[in-house]
Amino acid sequence: MFLALTYYFMWNAIHGKNGLEVQAQQRQQLQMTREQENATDQQLRTWQTKVAALSGQSIEPDMLDEEARAVLNLANPHDLVIELPSPKSPK
């Protein structure tokens, strides 16, 4: 009877609802969530820097020009554009 009770409690300690396996999965999920949080924080800092450069009393002309070109996919009429030949694929 003692062995049966011991087996029951040991099995639940490992495989049960709050067992070691579940805790390991929760730790892994927590680690993934923290990594996502760090990536999101980095992205937030990047956007805050861009917004700070574009807002306020003085807008940096270079930053504004760079963003406008990137969004519109355009070049300045005074820019020199050189088309390079595509690299030949080896046969």
N, C-alpha and C. Protein backbone atom coordinates (compact mmCIF):
# COMPACT_ATOMS: atom_id res chain seq x y z
N MET A 1 0.83 -1.19 0.00
CA MET A 1 0.00 0.00 0.00
C MET A 1 0.89 1.27 0.00
N PHE A 2 1.97 1.21 0.81
CA PHE A 2 2.89 2.34 0.88
C PHE A 2 3.54 2.60 -0.48
N LEU A 3 3.94 1.54 -1.18
CA LEU A 3 4.56 1.69 -2.50
C LEU A 3 3.58 2.26 -3.51
N ALA A 4 2.33 1.86 -3.43
CA ALA A 4 1.32 2.38 -4.35
C ALA A 4 1.11 3.87 -4.13
N LEU A 5 1.03 4.31 -2.88
CA LEU A 5 0.87 5.73 -2.58
C LEU A 5 2.12 6.52 -3.01
N THR A 6 3.27 5.95 -2.77
CA THR A 6 4.51 6.61 -3.16
C THR A 6 4.56 6.77 -4.68
N TYR A 7 4.22 5.71 -5.41
CA TYR A 7 4.20 5.76 -6.88
C TYR A 7 3.22 6.83 -7.37
N TYR A 8 2.03 6.86 -6.77
CA TYR A 8 1.01 7.83 -7.17
C TYR A 8 1.51 9.26 -7.01
N PHE A 9 2.08 9.57 -5.84
CA PHE A 9 2.56 10.93 -5.60
C PHE A 9 3.77 11.28 -6.45
N MET A 10 4.66 10.33 -6.68
CA MET A 10 5.82 10.58 -7.52
C MET A 10 5.40 10.82 -8.98
N TRP A 11 4.45 10.01 -9.46
CA TRP A 11 3.96 10.19 -10.84
C TRP A 11 3.35 11.57 -11.00
N ASN A 12 2.52 11.99 -10.04
CA ASN A 12 1.90 13.31 -10.11
C ASN A 12 2.92 14.43 -9.97
N ALA A 13 3.98 14.20 -9.20
CA ALA A 13 5.01 15.24 -9.06
C ALA A 13 5.74 15.46 -10.38
N ILE A 14 5.82 14.44 -11.20
CA ILE A 14 6.52 14.57 -12.48
C ILE A 14 5.57 14.91 -13.61
N HIS A 15 4.47 14.17 -13.74
CA HIS A 15 3.58 14.28 -14.89
C HIS A 15 2.28 15.02 -14.60
N GLY A 16 2.02 15.37 -13.39
CA GLY A 16 0.73 15.96 -13.00
C GLY A 16 0.52 17.37 -13.51
N LYS A 17 -0.60 17.95 -13.09
CA LYS A 17 -1.01 19.27 -13.54
C LYS A 17 0.04 20.35 -13.19
N ASN A 18 0.68 20.22 -12.06
CA ASN A 18 1.72 21.16 -11.64
C ASN A 18 3.07 20.46 -11.51
N GLY A 19 3.28 19.43 -12.30
CA GLY A 19 4.49 18.61 -12.19
C GLY A 19 5.70 19.26 -12.85
N LEU A 20 6.80 18.53 -12.80
CA LEU A 20 8.07 19.03 -13.32
C LEU A 20 8.03 19.27 -14.83
N GLU A 21 7.34 18.41 -15.57
CA GLU A 21 7.25 18.59 -17.02
C GLU A 21 6.52 19.88 -17.37
N VAL A 22 5.45 20.17 -16.67
CA VAL A 22 4.68 21.38 -16.93
C VAL A 22 5.51 22.61 -16.56
N GLN A 23 6.24 22.52 -15.46
CA GLN A 23 7.09 23.65 -15.07
C GLN A 23 8.17 23.92 -16.10
N ALA A 24 8.74 22.88 -16.68
CA ALA A 24 9.76 23.06 -17.72
C ALA A 24 9.15 23.74 -18.95
N GLN A 25 7.94 23.34 -19.33
CA GLN A 25 7.27 23.97 -20.46
C GLN A 25 6.97 25.44 -20.16
N GLN A 26 6.55 25.71 -18.94
CA GLN A 26 6.26 27.09 -18.56
C GLN A 26 7.52 27.95 -18.57
N ARG A 27 8.65 27.40 -18.12
CA ARG A 27 9.91 28.13 -18.15
C ARG A 27 10.31 28.44 -19.60
N GLN A 28 10.12 27.47 -20.49
CA GLN A 28 10.45 27.68 -21.90
C GLN A 28 9.56 28.76 -22.51
N GLN A 29 8.29 28.71 -22.19
CA GLN A 29 7.36 29.71 -22.70
C GLN A 29 7.69 31.09 -22.14
N LEU A 30 8.09 31.16 -20.88
CA LEU A 30 8.48 32.43 -20.28
C LEU A 30 9.71 33.00 -20.98
N GLN A 31 10.68 32.15 -21.29
CA GLN A 31 11.89 32.59 -21.98
C GLN A 31 11.55 33.13 -23.37
N MET A 32 10.68 32.45 -24.10
CA MET A 32 10.27 32.92 -25.43
C MET A 32 9.54 34.26 -25.32
N THR A 33 8.70 34.41 -24.32
CA THR A 33 7.96 35.65 -24.12
C THR A 33 8.91 36.79 -23.79
N ARG A 34 9.93 36.53 -22.99
CA ARG A 34 10.91 37.57 -22.66
C ARG A 34 11.71 37.97 -23.90
N GLU A 35 12.04 37.01 -24.76
CA GLU A 35 12.75 37.34 -26.00
C GLU A 35 11.88 38.21 -26.90
N GLN A 36 10.59 37.89 -26.98
CA GLN A 36 9.67 38.71 -27.77
C GLN A 36 9.56 40.12 -27.19
N GLU A 37 9.53 40.20 -25.86
CA GLU A 37 9.47 41.50 -25.21
C GLU A 37 10.71 42.33 -25.52
N ASN A 38 11.88 41.72 -25.48
CA ASN A 38 13.11 42.43 -25.78
C ASN A 38 13.13 42.92 -27.23
N ALA A 39 12.66 42.08 -28.15
CA ALA A 39 12.60 42.48 -29.55
C ALA A 39 11.62 43.64 -29.74
N THR A 40 10.49 43.58 -29.06
CA THR A 40 9.49 44.64 -29.16
C THR A 40 10.02 45.93 -28.56
N ASP A 41 10.74 45.83 -27.44
CA ASP A 41 11.33 47.03 -26.84
C ASP A 41 12.35 47.67 -27.77
N GLN A 42 13.14 46.85 -28.43
CA GLN A 42 14.13 47.38 -29.38
C GLN A 42 13.44 48.09 -30.54
N GLN A 43 12.37 47.48 -31.04
CA GLN A 43 11.61 48.09 -32.13
C GLN A 43 10.98 49.41 -31.67
N LEU A 44 10.48 49.43 -30.45
CA LEU A 44 9.89 50.65 -29.89
C LEU A 44 10.93 51.76 -29.80
N ARG A 45 12.13 51.44 -29.32
CA ARG A 45 13.18 52.45 -29.22
C ARG A 45 13.56 52.98 -30.61
N THR A 46 13.60 52.09 -31.61
CA THR A 46 13.91 52.52 -32.97
C THR A 46 12.87 53.51 -33.47
N TRP A 47 11.60 53.18 -33.28
CA TRP A 47 10.54 54.08 -33.74
C TRP A 47 10.53 55.38 -32.96
N GLN A 48 10.81 55.32 -31.65
CA GLN A 48 10.85 56.55 -30.86
C GLN A 48 11.96 57.47 -31.36
N THR A 49 13.09 56.89 -31.73
CA THR A 49 14.19 57.70 -32.27
C THR A 49 13.79 58.35 -33.58
N LYS A 50 13.13 57.59 -34.46
CA LYS A 50 12.69 58.15 -35.75
C LYS A 50 11.65 59.24 -35.55
N VAL A 51 10.71 59.01 -34.66
CA VAL A 51 9.66 60.01 -34.41
C VAL A 51 10.27 61.27 -33.80
N ALA A 52 11.22 61.09 -32.89
CA ALA A 52 11.86 62.26 -32.28
C ALA A 52 12.60 63.08 -33.32
N ALA A 53 13.20 62.42 -34.30
CA ALA A 53 13.93 63.14 -35.34
C ALA A 53 12.98 63.86 -36.29
N LEU A 54 11.76 63.35 -36.45
CA LEU A 54 10.81 63.96 -37.38
C LEU A 54 9.87 64.96 -36.73
N SER A 55 9.84 65.03 -35.41
CA SER A 55 8.90 65.92 -34.74
C SER A 55 9.64 67.05 -34.05
N GLY A 56 8.89 67.96 -33.51
CA GLY A 56 9.49 69.07 -32.78
C GLY A 56 9.59 70.32 -33.64
N GLN A 57 10.36 71.27 -33.15
CA GLN A 57 10.50 72.55 -33.84
C GLN A 57 11.26 72.41 -35.16
N SER A 58 12.32 71.64 -35.13
CA SER A 58 13.14 71.52 -36.34
C SER A 58 13.16 70.08 -36.82
N ILE A 59 12.70 69.89 -38.01
CA ILE A 59 12.73 68.57 -38.63
C ILE A 59 14.04 68.46 -39.39
N GLU A 60 14.75 67.39 -39.16
CA GLU A 60 16.00 67.20 -39.87
C GLU A 60 15.69 66.92 -41.34
N PRO A 61 16.13 67.76 -42.25
CA PRO A 61 15.80 67.60 -43.67
C PRO A 61 16.30 66.27 -44.25
N ASP A 62 17.47 65.84 -43.83
CA ASP A 62 18.00 64.58 -44.35
C ASP A 62 17.13 63.40 -43.93
N MET A 63 16.69 63.42 -42.66
CA MET A 63 15.86 62.33 -42.15
C MET A 63 14.51 62.31 -42.87
N LEU A 64 13.93 63.48 -43.06
CA LEU A 64 12.65 63.58 -43.77
C LEU A 64 12.79 63.11 -45.21
N ASP A 65 13.85 63.54 -45.88
CA ASP A 65 14.10 63.14 -47.26
C ASP A 65 14.31 61.63 -47.36
N GLU A 66 15.07 61.07 -46.44
CA GLU A 66 15.32 59.63 -46.45
C GLU A 66 14.03 58.83 -46.27
N GLU A 67 13.20 59.23 -45.32
CA GLU A 67 11.94 58.53 -45.08
C GLU A 67 11.00 58.66 -46.27
N ALA A 68 10.92 59.86 -46.86
CA ALA A 68 10.04 60.07 -48.00
C ALA A 68 10.46 59.21 -49.19
N ARG A 69 11.76 59.14 -49.43
CA ARG A 69 12.26 58.31 -50.55
C ARG A 69 11.99 56.83 -50.29
N ALA A 70 12.18 56.41 -49.06
CA ALA A 70 11.96 54.99 -48.74
C ALA A 70 10.48 54.62 -48.88
N VAL A 71 9.60 55.50 -48.41
CA VAL A 71 8.16 55.21 -48.47
C VAL A 71 7.65 55.27 -49.90
N LEU A 72 8.07 56.29 -50.65
CA LEU A 72 7.57 56.48 -52.01
C LEU A 72 8.36 55.72 -53.06
N ASN A 73 9.51 55.20 -52.68
CA ASN A 73 10.38 54.46 -53.60
C ASN A 73 10.74 55.33 -54.81
N LEU A 74 11.16 56.57 -54.51
CA LEU A 74 11.51 57.53 -55.56
C LEU A 74 12.94 58.02 -55.36
N ALA A 75 13.48 58.63 -56.39
CA ALA A 75 14.80 59.25 -56.32
C ALA A 75 14.66 60.73 -56.64
N ASN A 76 15.63 61.49 -56.22
CA ASN A 76 15.66 62.92 -56.51
C ASN A 76 16.00 63.09 -57.99
N PRO A 77 15.36 64.03 -58.69
CA PRO A 77 15.68 64.23 -60.12
C PRO A 77 17.14 64.59 -60.36
N HIS A 78 17.82 65.14 -59.37
CA HIS A 78 19.22 65.53 -59.53
C HIS A 78 20.18 64.40 -59.16
N ASP A 79 19.66 63.27 -58.71
CA ASP A 79 20.52 62.13 -58.37
C ASP A 79 21.02 61.46 -59.63
N LEU A 80 22.20 60.95 -59.57
CA LEU A 80 22.78 60.20 -60.67
C LEU A 80 22.49 58.72 -60.43
N VAL A 81 21.78 58.09 -61.34
CA VAL A 81 21.40 56.69 -61.20
C VAL A 81 22.18 55.89 -62.23
N ILE A 82 22.90 54.90 -61.77
CA ILE A 82 23.69 54.05 -62.65
C ILE A 82 23.13 52.63 -62.56
N GLU A 83 22.69 52.12 -63.69
CA GLU A 83 22.18 50.76 -63.71
C GLU A 83 23.34 49.80 -63.94
N LEU A 84 23.47 48.85 -63.06
CA LEU A 84 24.54 47.87 -63.17
C LEU A 84 24.00 46.62 -63.86
N PRO A 85 24.84 45.97 -64.65
CA PRO A 85 24.37 44.74 -65.28
C PRO A 85 24.17 43.66 -64.21
N SER A 86 23.20 42.81 -64.47
CA SER A 86 22.95 41.75 -63.50
C SER A 86 24.07 40.75 -63.56
N PRO A 87 24.44 40.16 -62.41
CA PRO A 87 25.55 39.21 -62.42
C PRO A 87 25.17 37.96 -63.23
N LYS A 88 26.14 37.49 -63.99
CA LYS A 88 25.88 36.31 -64.81
C LYS A 88 25.94 35.07 -63.94
N SER A 89 24.99 34.19 -64.14
CA SER A 89 24.98 32.96 -63.35
C SER A 89 25.96 31.97 -63.96
N PRO A 90 26.74 31.28 -63.10
CA PRO A 90 27.71 30.30 -63.64
C PRO A 90 26.97 29.09 -64.20
N LYS A 91 27.51 28.57 -65.30
CA LYS A 91 26.86 27.42 -65.94
C LYS A 91 27.64 26.18 -65.68
